[in-house]
Amino acid sequence: MDTEQKMQCDIYCRAESDRIRHVSTVELERFINLLHKAEPNDYKNWVFKLCKEIIDQHSDFPVRMPLFEDVIFPVIWEGCRRNELGCARWLAGFN
């Protein structure tokens, strides 16, 4: 992730911790839009890193449905189709 994406990720996480739903929703949308502008390999690597943190290391990173549907799921689903290590486990871990 570039600096702008990292900053927006931090803003989103802070908004989630403040528990003001309409604010966190807006910040999540901004974050997703920035992620979609990332280089495909950087995007995939970030998703894989996030999945490792959430599923394997039990991170409490907030995953709302838009983040899962628009960012995480497409990457790990494609990884499953390509038999990439960890993808099936991560997909199963998001229950």
C-alpha atoms as a PDB file:
ATOM      1  CA  MET A   1       0.000   0.000   0.000  1.00  0.00           C
ATOM      2  CA  ASP A   2       1.154   3.513  -0.658  1.00  0.00           C
ATOM      3  CA  THR A   3       1.168   6.268   1.951  1.00  0.00           C
ATOM      4  CA  GLU A   4      -2.292   7.578   1.058  1.00  0.00           C
ATOM      5  CA  GLN A   5      -3.805   4.093   1.299  1.00  0.00           C
ATOM      6  CA  LYS A   6      -2.095   3.450   4.651  1.00  0.00           C
ATOM      7  CA  MET A   7      -3.352   6.761   6.003  1.00  0.00           C
ATOM      8  CA  GLN A   8      -6.893   6.005   4.870  1.00  0.00           C
ATOM      9  CA  CYS A   9      -6.666   2.531   6.412  1.00  0.00           C
ATOM     10  CA  ASP A  10      -5.694   4.137   9.728  1.00  0.00           C
ATOM     11  CA  ILE A  11      -8.546   6.644   9.435  1.00  0.00           C
ATOM     12  CA  TYR A  12     -10.990   3.806   8.759  1.00  0.00           C
ATOM     13  CA  CYS A  13      -9.734   1.783  11.749  1.00  0.00           C
ATOM     14  CA  ARG A  14      -9.996   4.813  14.039  1.00  0.00           C
ATOM     15  CA  ALA A  15     -13.531   5.468  12.805  1.00  0.00           C
ATOM     16  CA  GLU A  16     -14.414   1.838  13.546  1.00  0.00           C
ATOM     17  CA  SER A  17     -13.014   2.103  17.063  1.00  0.00           C
ATOM     18  CA  ASP A  18     -15.086   5.265  17.644  1.00  0.00           C
ATOM     19  CA  ARG A  19     -18.169   3.202  16.713  1.00  0.00           C
ATOM     20  CA  ILE A  20     -19.893   5.941  14.740  1.00  0.00           C
ATOM     21  CA  ARG A  21     -21.382   3.848  11.963  1.00  0.00           C
ATOM     22  CA  HIS A  22     -22.037   6.536   9.352  1.00  0.00           C
ATOM     23  CA  VAL A  23     -18.482   7.868   9.733  1.00  0.00           C
ATOM     24  CA  SER A  24     -16.836   4.445   9.535  1.00  0.00           C
ATOM     25  CA  THR A  25     -18.946   3.555   6.503  1.00  0.00           C
ATOM     26  CA  VAL A  26     -17.773   6.656   4.630  1.00  0.00           C
ATOM     27  CA  GLU A  27     -14.147   6.049   5.600  1.00  0.00           C
ATOM     28  CA  LEU A  28     -14.373   2.401   4.554  1.00  0.00           C
ATOM     29  CA  GLU A  29     -15.749   3.424   1.164  1.00  0.00           C
ATOM     30  CA  ARG A  30     -12.849   5.844   0.703  1.00  0.00           C
ATOM     31  CA  PHE A  31     -10.379   3.135   1.687  1.00  0.00           C
ATOM     32  CA  ILE A  32     -11.878   0.621  -0.749  1.00  0.00           C
ATOM     33  CA  ASN A  33     -11.771   3.176  -3.575  1.00  0.00           C
ATOM     34  CA  LEU A  34      -8.082   3.812  -2.898  1.00  0.00           C
ATOM     35  CA  LEU A  35      -7.323   0.085  -2.778  1.00  0.00           C
ATOM     36  CA  HIS A  36      -8.950  -0.414  -6.169  1.00  0.00           C
ATOM     37  CA  LYS A  37      -6.446   2.083  -7.594  1.00  0.00           C
ATOM     38  CA  ALA A  38      -3.465   0.077  -6.347  1.00  0.00           C
ATOM     39  CA  GLU A  39      -1.238  -1.989  -8.579  1.00  0.00           C
ATOM     40  CA  PRO A  40      -2.765  -5.484  -8.895  1.00  0.00           C
ATOM     41  CA  ASN A  41       0.199  -7.251  -7.301  1.00  0.00           C
ATOM     42  CA  ASP A  42       0.313  -4.766  -4.388  1.00  0.00           C
ATOM     43  CA  TYR A  43      -3.435  -5.160  -3.955  1.00  0.00           C
ATOM     44  CA  LYS A  44      -3.187  -8.962  -3.862  1.00  0.00           C
ATOM     45  CA  ASN A  45      -0.228  -8.894  -1.479  1.00  0.00           C
ATOM     46  CA  TRP A  46      -2.099  -6.587   0.891  1.00  0.00           C
ATOM     47  CA  VAL A  47      -5.129  -8.899   0.902  1.00  0.00           C
ATOM     48  CA  PHE A  48      -2.948 -11.956   1.546  1.00  0.00           C
ATOM     49  CA  LYS A  49      -1.156 -10.137   4.385  1.00  0.00           C
ATOM     50  CA  LEU A  50      -4.481  -9.065   5.878  1.00  0.00           C
ATOM     51  CA  CYS A  51      -5.889 -12.592   5.671  1.00  0.00           C
ATOM     52  CA  LYS A  52      -2.800 -13.989   7.398  1.00  0.00           C
ATOM     53  CA  GLU A  53      -3.197 -11.418  10.162  1.00  0.00           C
ATOM     54  CA  ILE A  54      -6.940 -11.972  10.616  1.00  0.00           C
ATOM     55  CA  ILE A  55      -7.238 -15.733  10.177  1.00  0.00           C
ATOM     56  CA  ASP A  56      -3.826 -17.055  11.203  1.00  0.00           C
ATOM     57  CA  GLN A  57      -2.847 -14.492  13.842  1.00  0.00           C
ATOM     58  CA  HIS A  58      -6.339 -13.549  15.083  1.00  0.00           C
ATOM     59  CA  SER A  59      -5.997  -9.834  14.371  1.00  0.00           C
ATOM     60  CA  ASP A  60      -8.969  -7.680  15.289  1.00  0.00           C
ATOM     61  CA  PHE A  61      -8.829  -5.683  12.045  1.00  0.00           C
ATOM     62  CA  PRO A  62     -12.424  -4.607  11.331  1.00  0.00           C
ATOM     63  CA  VAL A  63     -13.830  -6.378   8.281  1.00  0.00           C
ATOM     64  CA  ARG A  64     -17.210  -5.062   7.222  1.00  0.00           C
ATOM     65  CA  MET A  65     -19.162  -6.728   4.438  1.00  0.00           C
ATOM     66  CA  PRO A  66     -18.190  -4.150   1.755  1.00  0.00           C
ATOM     67  CA  LEU A  67     -14.495  -4.772   2.457  1.00  0.00           C
ATOM     68  CA  PHE A  68     -15.004  -8.511   2.293  1.00  0.00           C
ATOM     69  CA  GLU A  69     -17.204  -8.490  -0.825  1.00  0.00           C
ATOM     70  CA  ASP A  70     -15.318  -5.859  -2.831  1.00  0.00           C
ATOM     71  CA  VAL A  71     -11.711  -6.494  -1.799  1.00  0.00           C
ATOM     72  CA  ILE A  72     -10.978  -9.662   0.142  1.00  0.00           C
ATOM     73  CA  PHE A  73     -13.303 -12.259  -1.378  1.00  0.00           C
ATOM     74  CA  PRO A  74     -12.403 -11.697  -5.052  1.00  0.00           C
ATOM     75  CA  VAL A  75      -8.686 -12.042  -4.313  1.00  0.00           C
ATOM     76  CA  ILE A  76      -8.867 -15.143  -2.143  1.00  0.00           C
ATOM     77  CA  TRP A  77     -11.468 -16.756  -4.426  1.00  0.00           C
ATOM     78  CA  GLU A  78      -9.108 -16.331  -7.371  1.00  0.00           C
ATOM     79  CA  GLY A  79      -6.319 -17.673  -5.174  1.00  0.00           C
ATOM     80  CA  CYS A  80      -8.446 -20.751  -4.446  1.00  0.00           C
ATOM     81  CA  ARG A  81      -9.026 -21.256  -8.149  1.00  0.00           C
ATOM     82  CA  ARG A  82      -5.251 -21.104  -8.688  1.00  0.00           C
ATOM     83  CA  ASN A  83      -4.528 -23.363  -5.682  1.00  0.00           C
ATOM     84  CA  GLU A  84      -2.496 -20.648  -3.985  1.00  0.00           C
ATOM     85  CA  LEU A  85      -1.273 -21.536  -0.518  1.00  0.00           C
ATOM     86  CA  GLY A  86      -3.534 -20.386   2.313  1.00  0.00           C
ATOM     87  CA  CYS A  87      -6.452 -19.125   0.249  1.00  0.00           C
ATOM     88  CA  ALA A  88      -8.865 -21.984   0.949  1.00  0.00           C
ATOM     89  CA  ARG A  89      -8.098 -21.817   4.675  1.00  0.00           C
ATOM     90  CA  TRP A  90      -8.569 -18.058   4.734  1.00  0.00           C
ATOM     91  CA  LEU A  91     -11.822 -18.284   2.817  1.00  0.00           C
ATOM     92  CA  ALA A  92     -13.113 -20.887   5.249  1.00  0.00           C
ATOM     93  CA  GLY A  93     -11.946 -18.737   8.161  1.00  0.00           C
ATOM     94  CA  PHE A  94     -14.280 -15.895   7.232  1.00  0.00           C
ATOM     95  CA  ASN A  95     -17.493 -17.419   8.516  1.00  0.00           C
END
